[in-house]
């Protein structure tokens, strides 16, 4: 699994979550109470992403969320981080990219140890 594949998988989180929520509503109001295959696949993917994010340190998690899920630019991340932590940690975009890269390596290691590969593609 490549770093790029992990980025794309994490970026799919908002869409997967929205689709799961829609399927929840459909199933709630439909005659058929059984969860279908699509719903199960989406729910598993969301759980994998949420669990993978939980293994990260708080700053790594924030950077992953801001950059890959919220699609913030590195400049926007610098500003957000400065507001949250203060100017004492005046990181450059290179530092944030390195933190993200290290976080993605942690996620890759986490995912490689589990039975998750079939759900990531």
PDB file of N, CA and C in Angstrom:
ATOM      1  N   UNK A   1       0.847  -1.172   0.000  1.00  0.00           N
ATOM      2  CA  UNK A   1       0.000   0.000   0.000  1.00  0.00           C
ATOM      3  C   UNK A   1       0.895   1.238   0.000  1.00  0.00           C
ATOM      4  N   UNK A   2       0.632   2.136  -0.910  1.00  0.00           N
ATOM      5  CA  UNK A   2       1.471   3.322  -1.035  1.00  0.00           C
ATOM      6  C   UNK A   2       0.923   4.465  -0.191  1.00  0.00           C
ATOM      7  N   UNK A   3       1.766   5.450   0.032  1.00  0.00           N
ATOM      8  CA  UNK A   3       1.345   6.646   0.760  1.00  0.00           C
ATOM      9  C   UNK A   3       0.201   7.335   0.018  1.00  0.00           C
ATOM     10  N   UNK A   4       0.285   7.351  -1.307  1.00  0.00           N
ATOM     11  CA  UNK A   4      -0.759   7.990  -2.116  1.00  0.00           C
ATOM     12  C   UNK A   4      -2.092   7.256  -1.964  1.00  0.00           C
ATOM     13  N   UNK A   5      -2.055   5.932  -1.916  1.00  0.00           N
ATOM     14  CA  UNK A   5      -3.281   5.147  -1.739  1.00  0.00           C
ATOM     15  C   UNK A   5      -3.906   5.437  -0.375  1.00  0.00           C
ATOM     16  N   UNK A   6      -3.078   5.586   0.644  1.00  0.00           N
ATOM     17  CA  UNK A   6      -3.585   5.902   1.980  1.00  0.00           C
ATOM     18  C   UNK A   6      -4.207   7.291   1.988  1.00  0.00           C
ATOM     19  N   UNK A   7      -3.550   8.263   1.330  1.00  0.00           N
ATOM     20  CA  UNK A   7      -4.110   9.620   1.248  1.00  0.00           C
ATOM     21  C   UNK A   7      -5.495   9.584   0.607  1.00  0.00           C
ATOM     22  N   UNK A   8      -5.606   8.887  -0.508  1.00  0.00           N
ATOM     23  CA  UNK A   8      -6.884   8.829  -1.215  1.00  0.00           C
ATOM     24  C   UNK A   8      -7.949   8.147  -0.363  1.00  0.00           C
ATOM     25  N   UNK A   9      -7.559   7.106   0.362  1.00  0.00           N
ATOM     26  CA  UNK A   9      -8.502   6.412   1.225  1.00  0.00           C
ATOM     27  C   UNK A   9      -9.015   7.337   2.325  1.00  0.00           C
ATOM     28  N   UNK A  10      -8.114   8.069   2.961  1.00  0.00           N
ATOM     29  CA  UNK A  10      -8.524   8.985   4.030  1.00  0.00           C
ATOM     30  C   UNK A  10      -9.371  10.122   3.471  1.00  0.00           C
ATOM     31  N   UNK A  11      -9.021  10.608   2.290  1.00  0.00           N
ATOM     32  CA  UNK A  11      -9.804  11.681   1.665  1.00  0.00           C
ATOM     33  C   UNK A  11     -11.252  11.250   1.387  1.00  0.00           C
ATOM     34  N   UNK A  12     -11.487   9.948   1.248  1.00  0.00           N
ATOM     35  CA  UNK A  12     -12.834   9.464   0.952  1.00  0.00           C
ATOM     36  C   UNK A  12     -13.749   9.476   2.170  1.00  0.00           C
ATOM     37  N   UNK A  13     -13.211   9.785   3.337  1.00  0.00           N
ATOM     38  CA  UNK A  13     -13.971   9.747   4.593  1.00  0.00           C
ATOM     39  C   UNK A  13     -15.266  10.572   4.559  1.00  0.00           C
ATOM     40  N   UNK A  14     -15.228  11.864   4.185  1.00  0.00           N
ATOM     41  CA  UNK A  14     -16.486  12.645   4.206  1.00  0.00           C
ATOM     42  C   UNK A  14     -17.561  12.054   3.298  1.00  0.00           C
ATOM     43  N   UNK A  15     -17.165  11.622   2.115  1.00  0.00           N
ATOM     44  CA  UNK A  15     -18.140  11.053   1.185  1.00  0.00           C
ATOM     45  C   UNK A  15     -18.699   9.738   1.721  1.00  0.00           C
ATOM     46  N   UNK A  16     -17.826   8.886   2.253  1.00  0.00           N
ATOM     47  CA  UNK A  16     -18.294   7.617   2.810  1.00  0.00           C
ATOM     48  C   UNK A  16     -19.270   7.841   3.963  1.00  0.00           C
ATOM     49  N   UNK A  17     -18.926   8.786   4.821  1.00  0.00           N
ATOM     50  CA  UNK A  17     -19.777   9.064   5.975  1.00  0.00           C
ATOM     51  C   UNK A  17     -21.140   9.592   5.515  1.00  0.00           C
ATOM     52  N   UNK A  18     -21.140  10.471   4.542  1.00  0.00           N
ATOM     53  CA  UNK A  18     -22.397  11.014   4.019  1.00  0.00           C
ATOM     54  C   UNK A  18     -23.239   9.911   3.371  1.00  0.00           C
ATOM     55  N   UNK A  19     -22.599   9.045   2.597  1.00  0.00           N
ATOM     56  CA  UNK A  19     -23.322   7.951   1.957  1.00  0.00           C
ATOM     57  C   UNK A  19     -23.907   6.998   2.992  1.00  0.00           C
ATOM     58  N   UNK A  20     -23.125   6.704   4.051  1.00  0.00           N
ATOM     59  CA  UNK A  20     -23.628   5.837   5.115  1.00  0.00           C
ATOM     60  C   UNK A  20     -24.853   6.462   5.774  1.00  0.00           C
ATOM     61  N   UNK A  21     -24.780   7.756   6.041  1.00  0.00           N
ATOM     62  CA  UNK A  21     -25.904   8.446   6.683  1.00  0.00           C
ATOM     63  C   UNK A  21     -27.160   8.386   5.816  1.00  0.00           C
ATOM     64  N   UNK A  22     -26.989   8.555   4.517  1.00  0.00           N
ATOM     65  CA  UNK A  22     -28.129   8.463   3.594  1.00  0.00           C
ATOM     66  C   UNK A  22     -28.710   7.054   3.611  1.00  0.00           C
ATOM     67  N   UNK A  23     -27.821   6.059   3.555  1.00  0.00           N
ATOM     68  CA  UNK A  23     -28.293   4.677   3.576  1.00  0.00           C
ATOM     69  C   UNK A  23     -28.979   4.347   4.907  1.00  0.00           C
ATOM     70  N   UNK A  24     -28.490   4.939   5.992  1.00  0.00           N
ATOM     71  CA  UNK A  24     -29.156   4.770   7.293  1.00  0.00           C
ATOM     72  C   UNK A  24     -30.609   5.219   7.204  1.00  0.00           C
ATOM     73  N   UNK A  25     -30.797   6.408   6.635  1.00  0.00           N
ATOM     74  CA  UNK A  25     -32.155   6.963   6.523  1.00  0.00           C
ATOM     75  C   UNK A  25     -33.025   6.107   5.601  1.00  0.00           C
ATOM     76  N   UNK A  26     -32.460   5.696   4.480  1.00  0.00           N
ATOM     77  CA  UNK A  26     -33.217   4.866   3.540  1.00  0.00           C
ATOM     78  C   UNK A  26     -33.667   3.584   4.225  1.00  0.00           C
ATOM     79  N   UNK A  27     -32.747   2.948   4.926  1.00  0.00           N
ATOM     80  CA  UNK A  27     -33.069   1.686   5.577  1.00  0.00           C
ATOM     81  C   UNK A  27     -34.048   1.883   6.732  1.00  0.00           C
ATOM     82  N   UNK A  28     -33.934   3.003   7.396  1.00  0.00           N
ATOM     83  CA  UNK A  28     -34.832   3.284   8.517  1.00  0.00           C
ATOM     84  C   UNK A  28     -36.280   3.389   8.030  1.00  0.00           C
ATOM     85  N   UNK A  29     -36.473   3.979   6.861  1.00  0.00           N
ATOM     86  CA  UNK A  29     -37.815   4.207   6.358  1.00  0.00           C
ATOM     87  C   UNK A  29     -38.276   3.180   5.332  1.00  0.00           C
ATOM     88  N   UNK A  30     -37.442   2.212   5.035  1.00  0.00           N
ATOM     89  CA  UNK A  30     -37.833   1.211   4.043  1.00  0.00           C
ATOM     90  C   UNK A  30     -38.439  -0.010   4.724  1.00  0.00           C
ATOM     91  N   UNK A  31     -39.085  -0.835   3.952  1.00  0.00           N
ATOM     92  CA  UNK A  31     -39.684  -2.073   4.455  1.00  0.00           C
ATOM     93  C   UNK A  31     -38.602  -3.075   4.859  1.00  0.00           C
ATOM     94  N   UNK A  32     -37.494  -3.042   4.157  1.00  0.00           N
ATOM     95  CA  UNK A  32     -36.421  -4.013   4.371  1.00  0.00           C
ATOM     96  C   UNK A  32     -35.467  -3.493   5.441  1.00  0.00           C
ATOM     97  N   UNK A  33     -35.463  -4.101   6.593  1.00  0.00           N
ATOM     98  CA  UNK A  33     -34.611  -3.654   7.697  1.00  0.00           C
ATOM     99  C   UNK A  33     -33.192  -4.208   7.605  1.00  0.00           C
ATOM    100  N   UNK A  34     -32.965  -5.165   6.710  1.00  0.00           N
ATOM    101  CA  UNK A  34     -31.615  -5.735   6.586  1.00  0.00           C
ATOM    102  C   UNK A  34     -30.661  -4.713   5.980  1.00  0.00           C
ATOM    103  N   UNK A  35     -29.466  -4.676   6.526  1.00  0.00           N
ATOM    104  CA  UNK A  35     -28.450  -3.780   5.978  1.00  0.00           C
ATOM    105  C   UNK A  35     -27.903  -4.420   4.703  1.00  0.00           C
ATOM    106  N   UNK A  36     -27.812  -3.630   3.659  1.00  0.00           N
ATOM    107  CA  UNK A  36     -27.333  -4.189   2.402  1.00  0.00           C
ATOM    108  C   UNK A  36     -25.806  -4.168   2.328  1.00  0.00           C
ATOM    109  N   UNK A  37     -25.291  -4.748   1.300  1.00  0.00           N
ATOM    110  CA  UNK A  37     -23.837  -4.886   1.103  1.00  0.00           C
ATOM    111  C   UNK A  37     -23.137  -3.531   1.040  1.00  0.00           C
ATOM    112  N   UNK A  38     -23.711  -2.586   0.298  1.00  0.00           N
ATOM    113  CA  UNK A  38     -23.080  -1.268   0.173  1.00  0.00           C
ATOM    114  C   UNK A  38     -22.947  -0.594   1.532  1.00  0.00           C
ATOM    115  N   UNK A  39     -24.002  -0.642   2.311  1.00  0.00           N
ATOM    116  CA  UNK A  39     -23.959  -0.032   3.640  1.00  0.00           C
ATOM    117  C   UNK A  39     -22.859  -0.664   4.492  1.00  0.00           C
ATOM    118  N   UNK A  40     -22.782  -1.963   4.478  1.00  0.00           N
ATOM    119  CA  UNK A  40     -21.775  -2.665   5.278  1.00  0.00           C
ATOM    120  C   UNK A  40     -20.366  -2.262   4.863  1.00  0.00           C
ATOM    121  N   UNK A  41     -20.124  -2.194   3.573  1.00  0.00           N
ATOM    122  CA  UNK A  41     -18.808  -1.805   3.070  1.00  0.00           C
ATOM    123  C   UNK A  41     -18.448  -0.388   3.510  1.00  0.00           C
ATOM    124  N   UNK A  42     -19.398   0.524   3.393  1.00  0.00           N
ATOM    125  CA  UNK A  42     -19.154   1.914   3.781  1.00  0.00           C
ATOM    126  C   UNK A  42     -18.905   2.020   5.279  1.00  0.00           C
ATOM    127  N   UNK A  43     -19.707   1.360   6.072  1.00  0.00           N
ATOM    128  CA  UNK A  43     -19.544   1.411   7.526  1.00  0.00           C
ATOM    129  C   UNK A  43     -18.180   0.870   7.948  1.00  0.00           C
ATOM    130  N   UNK A  44     -17.735  -0.191   7.306  1.00  0.00           N
ATOM    131  CA  UNK A  44     -16.414  -0.760   7.618  1.00  0.00           C
ATOM    132  C   UNK A  44     -15.317   0.229   7.253  1.00  0.00           C
ATOM    133  N   UNK A  45     -15.409   0.854   6.098  1.00  0.00           N
ATOM    134  CA  UNK A  45     -14.389   1.826   5.675  1.00  0.00           C
ATOM    135  C   UNK A  45     -14.319   3.003   6.641  1.00  0.00           C
ATOM    136  N   UNK A  46     -15.467   3.499   7.055  1.00  0.00           N
ATOM    137  CA  UNK A  46     -15.494   4.617   8.009  1.00  0.00           C
ATOM    138  C   UNK A  46     -14.837   4.207   9.315  1.00  0.00           C
ATOM    139  N   UNK A  47     -15.144   3.017   9.781  1.00  0.00           N
ATOM    140  CA  UNK A  47     -14.549   2.547  11.035  1.00  0.00           C
ATOM    141  C   UNK A  47     -13.038   2.396  10.908  1.00  0.00           C
ATOM    142  N   UNK A  48     -12.572   1.918   9.776  1.00  0.00           N
ATOM    143  CA  UNK A  48     -11.127   1.773   9.553  1.00  0.00           C
ATOM    144  C   UNK A  48     -10.452   3.142   9.615  1.00  0.00           C
ATOM    145  N   UNK A  49     -11.033   4.137   8.945  1.00  0.00           N
ATOM    146  CA  UNK A  49     -10.452   5.483   8.943  1.00  0.00           C
ATOM    147  C   UNK A  49     -10.461   6.064  10.350  1.00  0.00           C
ATOM    148  N   UNK A  50     -11.586   5.957  11.045  1.00  0.00           N
ATOM    149  CA  UNK A  50     -11.661   6.502  12.397  1.00  0.00           C
ATOM    150  C   UNK A  50     -10.671   5.815  13.336  1.00  0.00           C
ATOM    151  N   UNK A  51     -10.538   4.516  13.221  1.00  0.00           N
ATOM    152  CA  UNK A  51      -9.598   3.783  14.066  1.00  0.00           C
ATOM    153  C   UNK A  51      -8.157   4.145  13.726  1.00  0.00           C
ATOM    154  N   UNK A  52      -7.864   4.300  12.450  1.00  0.00           N
ATOM    155  CA  UNK A  52      -6.508   4.675  12.040  1.00  0.00           C
ATOM    156  C   UNK A  52      -6.147   6.063  12.561  1.00  0.00           C
ATOM    157  N   UNK A  53      -7.094   6.975  12.548  1.00  0.00           N
ATOM    158  CA  UNK A  53      -6.832   8.322  13.060  1.00  0.00           C
ATOM    159  C   UNK A  53      -6.597   8.318  14.567  1.00  0.00           C
ATOM    160  N   UNK A  54      -7.203   7.382  15.270  1.00  0.00           N
ATOM    161  CA  UNK A  54      -7.055   7.314  16.724  1.00  0.00           C
ATOM    162  C   UNK A  54      -5.647   6.919  17.174  1.00  0.00           C
ATOM    163  N   UNK A  55      -4.877   6.291  16.311  1.00  0.00           N
ATOM    164  CA  UNK A  55      -3.521   5.883  16.706  1.00  0.00           C
ATOM    165  C   UNK A  55      -2.526   7.035  16.625  1.00  0.00           C
ATOM    166  N   UNK A  56      -2.938   8.143  16.037  1.00  0.00           N
ATOM    167  CA  UNK A  56      -2.033   9.273  15.819  1.00  0.00           C
ATOM    168  C   UNK A  56      -1.978  10.184  17.035  1.00  0.00           C
ATOM    169  N   UNK A  57      -0.852  10.913  17.134  1.00  0.00           N
ATOM    170  CA  UNK A  57      -0.773  11.984  18.126  1.00  0.00           C
ATOM    171  C   UNK A  57      -1.734  13.088  17.685  1.00  0.00           C
ATOM    172  N   UNK A  58      -2.123  13.924  18.624  1.00  0.00           N
ATOM    173  CA  UNK A  58      -3.136  14.943  18.338  1.00  0.00           C
ATOM    174  C   UNK A  58      -2.726  15.869  17.193  1.00  0.00           C
ATOM    175  N   UNK A  59      -1.459  16.322  17.163  1.00  0.00           N
ATOM    176  CA  UNK A  59      -1.041  17.228  16.081  1.00  0.00           C
ATOM    177  C   UNK A  59      -1.035  16.516  14.729  1.00  0.00           C
ATOM    178  N   UNK A  60      -0.649  15.246  14.709  1.00  0.00           N
ATOM    179  CA  UNK A  60      -0.667  14.481  13.457  1.00  0.00           C
ATOM    180  C   UNK A  60      -2.106  14.327  12.955  1.00  0.00           C
ATOM    181  N   UNK A  61      -2.988  14.017  13.872  1.00  0.00           N
ATOM    182  CA  UNK A  61      -4.394  13.838  13.514  1.00  0.00           C
ATOM    183  C   UNK A  61      -4.980  15.127  12.948  1.00  0.00           C
ATOM    184  N   UNK A  62      -4.696  16.254  13.601  1.00  0.00           N
ATOM    185  CA  UNK A  62      -5.209  17.540  13.113  1.00  0.00           C
ATOM    186  C   UNK A  62      -4.728  17.830  11.702  1.00  0.00           C
ATOM    187  N   UNK A  63      -3.456  17.598  11.453  1.00  0.00           N
ATOM    188  CA  UNK A  63      -2.899  17.894  10.133  1.00  0.00           C
ATOM    189  C   UNK A  63      -3.533  16.999   9.070  1.00  0.00           C
ATOM    190  N   UNK A  64      -3.693  15.715   9.384  1.00  0.00           N
ATOM    191  CA  UNK A  64      -4.351  14.795   8.440  1.00  0.00           C
ATOM    192  C   UNK A  64      -5.787  15.253   8.180  1.00  0.00           C
ATOM    193  N   UNK A  65      -6.516  15.570   9.240  1.00  0.00           N
ATOM    194  CA  UNK A  65      -7.911  16.012   9.079  1.00  0.00           C
ATOM    195  C   UNK A  65      -7.991  17.296   8.264  1.00  0.00           C
ATOM    196  N   UNK A  66      -7.168  18.270   8.624  1.00  0.00           N
ATOM    197  CA  UNK A  66      -7.207  19.558   7.911  1.00  0.00           C
ATOM    198  C   UNK A  66      -6.811  19.414   6.453  1.00  0.00           C
ATOM    199  N   UNK A  67      -5.735  18.699   6.184  1.00  0.00           N
ATOM    200  CA  UNK A  67      -5.219  18.653   4.814  1.00  0.00           C
ATOM    201  C   UNK A  67      -5.976  17.665   3.928  1.00  0.00           C
ATOM    202  N   UNK A  68      -6.191  16.449   4.403  1.00  0.00           N
ATOM    203  CA  UNK A  68      -6.773  15.434   3.537  1.00  0.00           C
ATOM    204  C   UNK A  68      -8.298  15.418   3.564  1.00  0.00           C
ATOM    205  N   UNK A  69      -8.903  15.717   4.688  1.00  0.00           N
ATOM    206  CA  UNK A  69     -10.359  15.652   4.762  1.00  0.00           C
ATOM    207  C   UNK A  69     -10.990  17.023   4.524  1.00  0.00           C
ATOM    208  N   UNK A  70     -10.482  18.048   5.207  1.00  0.00           N
ATOM    209  CA  UNK A  70     -11.027  19.400   5.018  1.00  0.00           C
ATOM    210  C   UNK A  70     -10.429  20.104   3.798  1.00  0.00           C
ATOM    211  N   UNK A  71      -9.400  19.511   3.202  1.00  0.00           N
ATOM    212  CA  UNK A  71      -8.740  20.021   1.992  1.00  0.00           C
ATOM    213  C   UNK A  71      -8.190  21.442   2.156  1.00  0.00           C
ATOM    214  N   UNK A  72      -7.635  21.710   3.331  1.00  0.00           N
ATOM    215  CA  UNK A  72      -6.985  23.002   3.583  1.00  0.00           C
ATOM    216  C   UNK A  72      -5.622  23.015   2.894  1.00  0.00           C
ATOM    217  N   UNK A  73      -5.208  24.203   2.482  1.00  0.00           N
ATOM    218  CA  UNK A  73      -3.868  24.357   1.919  1.00  0.00           C
ATOM    219  C   UNK A  73      -2.856  24.374   3.064  1.00  0.00           C
ATOM    220  N   UNK A  74      -1.580  24.227   2.718  1.00  0.00           N
ATOM    221  CA  UNK A  74      -0.546  24.249   3.759  1.00  0.00           C
ATOM    222  C   UNK A  74      -0.517  25.610   4.450  1.00  0.00           C
ATOM    223  N   UNK A  75      -0.763  26.667   3.710  1.00  0.00           N
ATOM    224  CA  UNK A  75      -0.803  28.007   4.305  1.00  0.00           C
ATOM    225  C   UNK A  75      -1.953  28.112   5.301  1.00  0.00           C
ATOM    226  N   UNK A  76      -3.114  27.597   4.926  1.00  0.00           N
ATOM    227  CA  UNK A  76      -4.262  27.612   5.838  1.00  0.00           C
ATOM    228  C   UNK A  76      -3.975  26.792   7.097  1.00  0.00           C
ATOM    229  N   UNK A  77      -3.267  25.688   6.913  1.00  0.00           N
ATOM    230  CA  UNK A  77      -2.905  24.841   8.061  1.00  0.00           C
ATOM    231  C   UNK A  77      -1.938  25.585   8.978  1.00  0.00           C
ATOM    232  N   UNK A  78      -0.976  26.288   8.396  1.00  0.00           N
ATOM    233  CA  UNK A  78      -0.058  27.101   9.210  1.00  0.00           C
ATOM    234  C   UNK A  78      -0.840  28.094  10.065  1.00  0.00           C
ATOM    235  N   UNK A  79      -1.807  28.766   9.453  1.00  0.00           N
ATOM    236  CA  UNK A  79      -2.619  29.755  10.164  1.00  0.00           C
ATOM    237  C   UNK A  79      -3.464  29.101  11.258  1.00  0.00           C
ATOM    238  N   UNK A  80      -4.128  28.005  10.924  1.00  0.00           N
ATOM    239  CA  UNK A  80      -4.958  27.302  11.905  1.00  0.00           C
ATOM    240  C   UNK A  80      -4.126  26.808  13.085  1.00  0.00           C
ATOM    241  N   UNK A  81      -2.985  26.237  12.773  1.00  0.00           N
ATOM    242  CA  UNK A  81      -2.125  25.691  13.822  1.00  0.00           C
ATOM    243  C   UNK A  81      -1.607  26.819  14.713  1.00  0.00           C
ATOM    244  N   UNK A  82      -1.236  27.931  14.085  1.00  0.00           N
ATOM    245  CA  UNK A  82      -0.771  29.087  14.847  1.00  0.00           C
ATOM    246  C   UNK A  82      -1.832  29.614  15.789  1.00  0.00           C
ATOM    247  N   UNK A  83      -3.082  29.635  15.343  1.00  0.00           N
ATOM    248  CA  UNK A  83      -4.186  30.108  16.185  1.00  0.00           C
ATOM    249  C   UNK A  83      -4.453  29.149  17.341  1.00  0.00           C
ATOM    250  N   UNK A  84      -4.336  27.849  17.077  1.00  0.00           N
ATOM    251  CA  UNK A  84      -4.627  26.860  18.112  1.00  0.00           C
ATOM    252  C   UNK A  84      -3.510  26.743  19.144  1.00  0.00           C
ATOM    253  N   UNK A  85      -2.271  26.747  18.671  1.00  0.00           N
ATOM    254  CA  UNK A  85      -1.146  26.471  19.564  1.00  0.00           C
ATOM    255  C   UNK A  85      -0.418  27.739  19.973  1.00  0.00           C
ATOM    256  N   UNK A  86      -0.562  28.761  19.175  1.00  0.00           N
ATOM    257  CA  UNK A  86       0.156  29.998  19.437  1.00  0.00           C
ATOM    258  C   UNK A  86       1.359  30.108  18.517  1.00  0.00           C
ATOM    259  N   UNK A  87       1.989  31.231  18.545  1.00  0.00           N
ATOM    260  CA  UNK A  87       3.106  31.467  17.624  1.00  0.00           C
ATOM    261  C   UNK A  87       4.415  30.848  18.091  1.00  0.00           C
ATOM    262  N   UNK A  88       4.425  30.240  19.272  1.00  0.00           N
ATOM    263  CA  UNK A  88       5.649  29.606  19.762  1.00  0.00           C
ATOM    264  C   UNK A  88       6.085  28.471  18.846  1.00  0.00           C
ATOM    265  N   UNK A  89       5.126  27.812  18.202  1.00  0.00           N
ATOM    266  CA  UNK A  89       5.425  26.716  17.282  1.00  0.00           C
ATOM    267  C   UNK A  89       5.196  27.191  15.854  1.00  0.00           C
ATOM    268  N   UNK A  90       5.999  28.087  15.402  1.00  0.00           N
ATOM    269  CA  UNK A  90       5.840  28.670  14.079  1.00  0.00           C
ATOM    270  C   UNK A  90       6.417  27.713  13.030  1.00  0.00           C
ATOM    271  N   UNK A  91       5.670  26.632  12.728  1.00  0.00           N
ATOM    272  CA  UNK A  91       6.131  25.609  11.791  1.00  0.00           C
ATOM    273  C   UNK A  91       5.988  26.087  10.347  1.00  0.00           C
ATOM    274  N   UNK A  92       6.875  25.610   9.502  1.00  0.00           N
ATOM    275  CA  UNK A  92       6.783  25.888   8.072  1.00  0.00           C
ATOM    276  C   UNK A  92       5.929  24.809   7.410  1.00  0.00           C
ATOM    277  N   UNK A  93       5.586  25.043   6.156  1.00  0.00           N
ATOM    278  CA  UNK A  93       4.803  24.021   5.456  1.00  0.00           C
ATOM    279  C   UNK A  93       5.604  22.733   5.303  1.00  0.00           C
ATOM    280  N   UNK A  94       6.929  22.839   5.216  1.00  0.00           N
ATOM    281  CA  UNK A  94       7.770  21.624   5.153  1.00  0.00           C
ATOM    282  C   UNK A  94       7.615  20.784   6.410  1.00  0.00           C
ATOM    283  N   UNK A  95       7.536  21.439   7.547  1.00  0.00           N
ATOM    284  CA  UNK A  95       7.350  20.717   8.815  1.00  0.00           C
ATOM    285  C   UNK A  95       6.004  20.019   8.828  1.00  0.00           C
ATOM    286  N   UNK A  96       4.961  20.713   8.387  1.00  0.00           N
ATOM    287  CA  UNK A  96       3.634  20.103   8.354  1.00  0.00           C
ATOM    288  C   UNK A  96       3.595  18.921   7.378  1.00  0.00           C
ATOM    289  N   UNK A  97       4.257  19.069   6.232  1.00  0.00           N
ATOM    290  CA  UNK A  97       4.313  17.963   5.271  1.00  0.00           C
ATOM    291  C   UNK A  97       5.034  16.764   5.875  1.00  0.00           C
ATOM    292  N   UNK A  98       6.101  17.018   6.619  1.00  0.00           N
ATOM    293  CA  UNK A  98       6.848  15.936   7.258  1.00  0.00           C
ATOM    294  C   UNK A  98       5.992  15.257   8.338  1.00  0.00           C
ATOM    295  N   UNK A  99       5.264  16.056   9.117  1.00  0.00           N
ATOM    296  CA  UNK A  99       4.375  15.492  10.139  1.00  0.00           C
ATOM    297  C   UNK A  99       3.309  14.619   9.467  1.00  0.00           C
ATOM    298  N   UNK A 100       2.741  15.111   8.366  1.00  0.00           N
ATOM    299  CA  UNK A 100       1.736  14.326   7.647  1.00  0.00           C
ATOM    300  C   UNK A 100       2.340  13.033   7.117  1.00  0.00           C
ATOM    301  N   UNK A 101       3.529  13.127   6.543  1.00  0.00           N
ATOM    302  CA  UNK A 101       4.178  11.939   5.996  1.00  0.00           C
ATOM    303  C   UNK A 101       4.427  10.895   7.093  1.00  0.00           C
ATOM    304  N   UNK A 102       4.887  11.334   8.245  1.00  0.00           N
ATOM    305  CA  UNK A 102       5.110  10.415   9.369  1.00  0.00           C
ATOM    306  C   UNK A 102       3.803   9.801   9.841  1.00  0.00           C
ATOM    307  N   UNK A 103       2.746  10.608   9.872  1.00  0.00           N
ATOM    308  CA  UNK A 103       1.433  10.103  10.275  1.00  0.00           C
ATOM    309  C   UNK A 103       0.935   9.062   9.281  1.00  0.00           C
ATOM    310  N   UNK A 104       1.132   9.315   8.007  1.00  0.00           N
ATOM    311  CA  UNK A 104       0.701   8.354   6.987  1.00  0.00           C
ATOM    312  C   UNK A 104       1.478   7.044   7.098  1.00  0.00           C
ATOM    313  N   UNK A 105       2.745   7.132   7.482  1.00  0.00           N
ATOM    314  CA  UNK A 105       3.533   5.912   7.690  1.00  0.00           C
ATOM    315  C   UNK A 105       2.985   5.116   8.870  1.00  0.00           C
ATOM    316  N   UNK A 106       2.576   5.805   9.936  1.00  0.00           N
ATOM    317  CA  UNK A 106       1.968   5.126  11.083  1.00  0.00           C
ATOM    318  C   UNK A 106       0.672   4.433  10.668  1.00  0.00           C
ATOM    319  N   UNK A 107      -0.127   5.136   9.873  1.00  0.00           N
ATOM    320  CA  UNK A 107      -1.390   4.561   9.407  1.00  0.00           C
ATOM    321  C   UNK A 107      -1.112   3.354   8.519  1.00  0.00           C
ATOM    322  N   UNK A 108      -0.121   3.483   7.647  1.00  0.00           N
ATOM    323  CA  UNK A 108       0.227   2.374   6.762  1.00  0.00           C
ATOM    324  C   UNK A 108       0.623   1.143   7.568  1.00  0.00           C
ATOM    325  N   UNK A 109       1.429   1.336   8.588  1.00  0.00           N
ATOM    326  CA  UNK A 109       1.852   0.232   9.445  1.00  0.00           C
ATOM    327  C   UNK A 109       0.639  -0.379  10.161  1.00  0.00           C
ATOM    328  N   UNK A 110      -0.223   0.462  10.684  1.00  0.00           N
ATOM    329  CA  UNK A 110      -1.442   0.007  11.354  1.00  0.00           C
ATOM    330  C   UNK A 110      -2.300  -0.831  10.407  1.00  0.00           C
ATOM    331  N   UNK A 111      -2.512  -0.326   9.202  1.00  0.00           N
ATOM    332  CA  UNK A 111      -3.367  -1.019   8.249  1.00  0.00           C
ATOM    333  C   UNK A 111      -2.739  -2.316   7.742  1.00  0.00           C
ATOM    334  N   UNK A 112      -1.420  -2.341   7.654  1.00  0.00           N
ATOM    335  CA  UNK A 112      -0.747  -3.544   7.152  1.00  0.00           C
ATOM    336  C   UNK A 112      -0.820  -4.699   8.144  1.00  0.00           C
ATOM    337  N   UNK A 113      -1.065  -4.398   9.422  1.00  0.00           N
ATOM    338  CA  UNK A 113      -1.146  -5.440  10.444  1.00  0.00           C
ATOM    339  C   UNK A 113      -2.538  -6.056  10.541  1.00  0.00           C
ATOM    340  N   UNK A 114      -3.512  -5.428   9.942  1.00  0.00           N
ATOM    341  CA  UNK A 114      -4.883  -5.905  10.070  1.00  0.00           C
ATOM    342  C   UNK A 114      -5.383  -6.587   8.816  1.00  0.00           C
ATOM    343  N   UNK A 115      -6.606  -7.008   8.896  1.00  0.00           N
ATOM    344  CA  UNK A 115      -7.272  -7.674   7.773  1.00  0.00           C
ATOM    345  C   UNK A 115      -8.109  -6.663   6.996  1.00  0.00           C
ATOM    346  N   UNK A 116      -7.524  -5.494   6.714  1.00  0.00           N
ATOM    347  CA  UNK A 116      -8.298  -4.382   6.173  1.00  0.00           C
ATOM    348  C   UNK A 116      -8.105  -4.163   4.667  1.00  0.00           C
ATOM    349  N   UNK A 117      -7.086  -4.749   4.094  1.00  0.00           N
ATOM    350  CA  UNK A 117      -6.686  -4.385   2.733  1.00  0.00           C
ATOM    351  C   UNK A 117      -7.827  -4.503   1.729  1.00  0.00           C
ATOM    352  N   UNK A 118      -8.675  -5.487   1.872  1.00  0.00           N
ATOM    353  CA  UNK A 118      -9.751  -5.683   0.907  1.00  0.00           C
ATOM    354  C   UNK A 118     -10.771  -4.532   0.921  1.00  0.00           C
ATOM    355  N   UNK A 119     -10.808  -3.757   1.990  1.00  0.00           N
ATOM    356  CA  UNK A 119     -11.791  -2.686   2.103  1.00  0.00           C
ATOM    357  C   UNK A 119     -11.248  -1.328   1.661  1.00  0.00           C
ATOM    358  N   UNK A 120      -9.964  -1.217   1.459  1.00  0.00           N
ATOM    359  CA  UNK A 120      -9.358   0.091   1.203  1.00  0.00           C
ATOM    360  C   UNK A 120      -9.425   0.501  -0.258  1.00  0.00           C
ATOM    361  N   UNK A 121      -9.437  -0.418  -1.148  1.00  0.00           N
ATOM    362  CA  UNK A 121      -9.438  -0.063  -2.580  1.00  0.00           C
ATOM    363  C   UNK A 121     -10.768   0.428  -3.058  1.00  0.00           C
TER     364      UNK A 121
END
